[in-house]
Protein backbone atom coordinates (compact mmCIF):
# COMPACT_ATOMS: atom_id res chain seq x y z
CA MET A 1 80.77 110.99 120.08
CA VAL A 2 78.36 108.21 119.21
CA ASP A 3 77.35 106.32 122.35
CA SER A 4 75.27 103.14 122.36
CA PHE A 5 73.59 103.89 125.72
CA SER A 6 76.61 102.85 127.77
CA SER A 7 76.06 102.23 131.47
CA ASP A 8 79.38 103.62 132.74
CA ASP A 9 80.55 107.23 133.03
CA THR A 10 81.49 107.61 129.35
CA VAL A 11 78.80 110.16 128.47
CA ALA A 12 79.25 112.16 131.67
CA ILE A 13 83.00 112.42 131.07
CA ALA A 14 82.56 113.37 127.41
CA ARG A 15 80.09 116.16 128.25
CA ARG A 16 82.71 117.87 130.39
CA PHE A 17 84.43 118.94 127.18
CA PRO A 18 82.76 121.82 125.31
CA ASN A 19 84.02 120.60 121.91
CA VAL A 20 82.32 117.18 122.20
CA CYS A 21 78.87 116.57 120.73
CA VAL A 22 77.23 113.45 122.16
CA LEU A 23 74.85 111.39 120.00
CA GLU A 24 73.16 108.20 121.13
CA ARG A 25 72.20 105.25 118.96
CA SER A 26 71.47 101.63 119.78
CA PHE A 27 74.31 99.40 118.62
CA ASP A 28 73.59 97.14 115.65
CA SER A 29 77.06 96.80 114.11
CA PHE A 30 80.34 98.66 114.02
CA ALA A 31 79.72 99.70 110.43
CA GLY A 32 76.26 100.96 111.33
CA GLN A 33 77.65 103.07 114.16
CA CYS A 34 80.46 104.46 112.01
CA ASN A 35 78.17 105.37 109.12
CA PHE A 36 75.81 107.08 111.56
CA GLY A 37 78.76 109.04 112.94
CA LEU A 38 79.98 109.97 109.46
CA ALA A 39 76.57 111.43 108.64
CA HIS A 40 77.07 113.92 111.49
CA VAL A 41 80.67 114.88 110.73
CA GLN A 42 80.90 118.46 109.48
CA SER A 43 84.52 118.55 108.32
CA GLU A 44 85.61 117.57 104.81
CA TRP A 45 88.23 115.12 106.07
CA VAL A 46 88.06 112.41 108.73
CA LEU A 47 90.96 110.91 110.68
CA SER A 48 89.65 107.60 112.04
CA LEU A 49 91.52 106.27 115.09
CA ASP A 50 90.98 103.61 117.72
CA ALA A 51 91.68 104.42 121.36
CA ASP A 52 94.86 102.31 121.32
CA TYR A 53 96.41 103.97 118.24
CA VAL A 54 99.51 106.15 118.73
CA LEU A 55 100.54 108.28 115.75
CA SER A 56 104.25 108.63 115.05
CA GLY A 57 105.79 112.07 114.82
CA GLU A 58 106.66 111.33 111.19
CA LEU A 59 103.01 110.66 110.39
CA LEU A 60 101.79 113.80 112.18
CA ASN A 61 104.23 115.93 110.20
CA GLU A 62 103.29 114.17 106.98
CA ILE A 63 99.58 114.85 107.50
CA ALA A 64 100.30 118.47 108.41
CA ASP A 65 102.26 118.90 105.18
CA LEU A 66 99.52 117.56 102.89
CA PRO A 67 98.17 120.17 100.46
CA ALA A 68 94.86 121.80 101.29
CA SER A 69 93.19 120.06 98.33
CA PRO A 70 95.10 116.81 97.71
CA ALA A 71 94.36 114.70 94.64
CA ALA A 72 93.76 111.57 96.70
CA ASP A 73 90.48 110.83 98.45
CA GLY A 74 92.00 108.66 101.15
CA TYR A 75 95.29 107.70 102.75
CA SER A 76 96.38 104.36 104.18
CA VAL A 77 98.93 103.88 106.94
CA GLN A 78 101.12 100.97 108.01
CA PHE A 79 100.84 99.75 111.60
CA ARG A 80 103.32 98.50 114.17
CA TYR A 81 101.73 96.12 116.67
CA CYS A 82 102.87 96.66 120.25
CA ILE A 83 102.97 94.22 123.15
CA TRP A 84 102.96 96.14 126.46
CA GLY A 85 104.12 99.31 124.77
CA LYS A 86 106.98 97.83 122.77
CA PRO A 87 106.51 97.43 119.00
CA LEU A 88 107.12 94.10 117.33
CA ARG A 89 109.32 93.98 114.24
CA LYS A 90 106.41 92.58 112.20
CA SER A 91 102.82 91.44 112.68
CA LEU A 92 99.78 90.30 110.73
CA TYR A 93 98.14 93.69 111.17
CA PRO A 94 97.46 95.13 107.70
CA ALA A 95 97.69 98.71 106.51
CA ARG A 96 94.40 100.56 106.94
CA THR A 97 92.81 103.63 105.43
CA VAL A 98 92.55 106.08 108.32
CA LEU A 99 92.40 109.49 106.61
CA TYR A 100 89.69 110.10 104.01
CA ARG A 101 87.19 112.53 102.56
CA LYS A 102 83.89 112.17 104.39
CA ASP A 103 81.73 112.33 101.26
CA LYS A 104 83.78 109.60 99.54
CA ALA A 105 83.64 107.04 102.34
CA HIS A 106 81.33 104.50 103.91
CA TYR A 107 81.85 101.60 106.27
CA ARG A 108 80.97 97.95 105.80
CA ASP A 109 81.09 95.05 108.23
CA ASP A 110 83.84 92.50 107.59
CA GLY A 111 83.67 89.46 109.84
CA HIS A 112 84.14 90.58 113.43
CA GLY A 113 85.45 93.96 112.33
CA HIS A 114 84.62 96.78 109.96
CA ARG A 115 86.39 98.54 107.10
CA VAL A 116 86.04 101.90 105.42
CA VAL A 117 85.52 101.85 101.65
CA VAL A 118 86.70 104.96 99.79
CA SER A 119 85.28 105.63 96.35
CA GLY A 120 88.27 107.29 94.78
CA GLU A 121 92.04 107.20 94.71
CA THR A 122 93.87 106.21 97.87
CA LYS A 123 97.56 106.61 98.60
CA THR A 124 99.85 105.28 101.32
CA LEU A 125 101.60 107.58 103.76
CA SER A 126 105.13 106.71 104.88
CA GLY A 127 104.55 107.39 108.59
CA SER A 128 103.20 104.69 110.87
CA ILE A 129 100.76 104.12 113.72
CA ASP A 130 101.52 102.03 116.78
CA HIS A 131 98.65 99.72 117.75
CA ASP A 132 99.37 99.64 121.49
CA ASP A 133 96.93 96.94 122.56
CA ARG A 134 97.14 96.37 126.34
CA LYS A 135 94.16 94.11 126.91
CA THR A 136 94.49 91.61 129.73
CA PHE A 137 94.61 88.00 128.61
CA ASP A 138 91.14 87.33 130.07
CA ARG A 139 89.63 90.25 128.15
CA TRP A 140 91.43 89.21 124.97
CA LEU A 141 90.12 85.67 125.40
CA ARG A 142 86.52 86.84 125.78
CA GLY A 143 86.88 88.96 122.68
CA GLN A 144 88.22 86.05 120.63
CA ALA A 145 85.20 83.94 121.58
CA ARG A 146 82.94 86.60 120.01
CA TYR A 147 85.21 87.30 117.05
CA SER A 148 85.47 83.65 116.05
CA LEU A 149 81.68 83.40 115.77
CA ALA A 150 81.52 86.40 113.44
CA GLU A 151 84.45 85.14 111.37
CA THR A 152 82.86 81.68 111.08
CA ARG A 153 79.66 83.19 109.71
CA LYS A 154 81.66 85.24 107.23
CA LEU A 155 83.64 82.21 105.99
CA LEU A 156 80.55 80.01 105.63
CA GLU A 157 78.29 82.63 104.05
CA THR A 158 80.78 84.15 101.57
CA SER A 159 81.57 82.58 98.23
CA PRO A 160 85.18 81.30 98.18
CA SER A 161 85.83 83.35 95.05
CA ARG A 162 85.22 86.51 97.08
CA LEU A 163 87.55 85.54 99.92
CA ASN A 164 91.20 86.52 100.12
CA LEU A 165 93.97 83.92 100.26
CA ALA A 166 94.12 83.84 104.07
CA ASP A 167 90.36 83.27 104.41
CA ARG A 168 90.37 80.55 101.75
CA LEU A 169 93.11 78.84 103.76
CA ARG A 170 90.97 79.12 106.90
CA ARG A 171 88.13 77.32 105.15
CA TRP A 172 90.42 74.28 104.87
CA ILE A 173 90.31 74.26 108.71
CA VAL A 174 93.39 72.20 109.60
CA PRO A 175 96.34 73.99 107.89
CA ALA A 176 95.60 77.55 109.06
CA PRO A 177 96.88 77.33 112.69
CA PHE A 178 100.12 75.65 111.59
CA VAL A 179 100.70 78.16 108.80
CA VAL A 180 100.10 81.11 111.11
CA PHE A 181 102.44 79.70 113.77
CA PHE A 182 105.40 79.17 111.46
CA TYR A 183 104.70 82.26 109.34
CA THR A 184 104.66 84.64 112.30
CA LEU A 185 107.49 82.95 114.17
CA LEU A 186 109.93 82.41 111.31
CA VAL A 187 108.92 84.36 108.20
CA LYS A 188 107.94 87.49 110.15
CA GLY A 189 110.92 86.90 112.44
CA LEU A 190 109.07 87.23 115.73
CA ILE A 191 111.31 84.56 117.23
CA PHE A 192 113.82 87.42 117.56
CA ASP A 193 111.41 89.56 119.62
CA GLY A 194 111.78 87.40 122.71
CA TRP A 195 108.79 86.67 124.92
CA ARG A 196 106.78 89.49 123.33
CA GLY A 197 107.19 87.77 119.99
CA TRP A 198 106.19 84.41 121.42
CA TYR A 199 103.18 86.00 123.10
CA TYR A 200 101.93 87.41 119.78
CA VAL A 201 102.68 84.19 117.86
CA LEU A 202 100.79 82.05 120.37
CA GLN A 203 97.90 84.54 120.51
CA ARG A 204 97.46 84.46 116.73
CA THR A 205 97.85 80.66 116.63
CA PHE A 206 95.24 80.22 119.37
CA ALA A 207 92.85 82.54 117.51
CA GLU A 208 93.21 80.37 114.40
CA ILE A 209 92.69 77.18 116.43
CA LEU A 210 89.52 78.65 117.91
CA LEU A 211 88.24 79.55 114.45
CA SER A 212 89.05 76.03 113.17
CA LEU A 213 87.09 74.54 116.07
CA ARG A 214 84.13 76.77 115.23
CA LEU A 215 84.21 75.62 111.62
CA ILE A 216 84.39 71.95 112.66
CA GLU A 217 81.49 72.52 115.04
CA ALA A 218 79.47 73.99 112.18
CA LYS A 219 80.21 70.92 110.05
CA LEU A 220 79.22 68.52 112.81
CA SER A 221 76.17 70.39 114.01
CA PRO A 222 72.85 68.61 113.22
CA GLU A 223 71.55 71.98 111.97
CA ALA A 224 74.34 72.28 109.37
């Protein structure tokens, strides 16, 4: 476990388990922490999970049935986003590479998040992971305030030619919140998921509005 000198009982709890090795490193970025952790992994393969990931039985069986020396160097998995434990029919959450050879992988920062880059062939597994995010609204709101700053820096500092379609749309500022609202509600069909669907749609729309406001602020700032 890589700990960034946390002030709660995290380290004390972790040290109760004999199979946990605790390493401490000052936090600089998520990618920095992950690459530091990878350097200390002793197994050939890494299964990278967040605390709110729940692996399906299908995925567990699929991983167990992989050959001892597969041809691929990494495997991606589709996600189902959950609101209070119940999965939505669709979301904006992309597939992610979660299983990979340690020596073929490194992490890089990407806006407010981080991504693993695998130098080799990657395949997609058919099983899924539930992203069971149960943050309170206040905690989610505080997180979005931080995330929007990081995403604004990414959009302003990256050449448009290197941005994906969604990020190029965000640089236009005004259309993005409207597109996300109608895309999630109607195209993704979340209108049929009841209040959970509306909750997710409005969350994602608000996040885009916040990012648009950050971009406008950057344009209007005397330091711009």
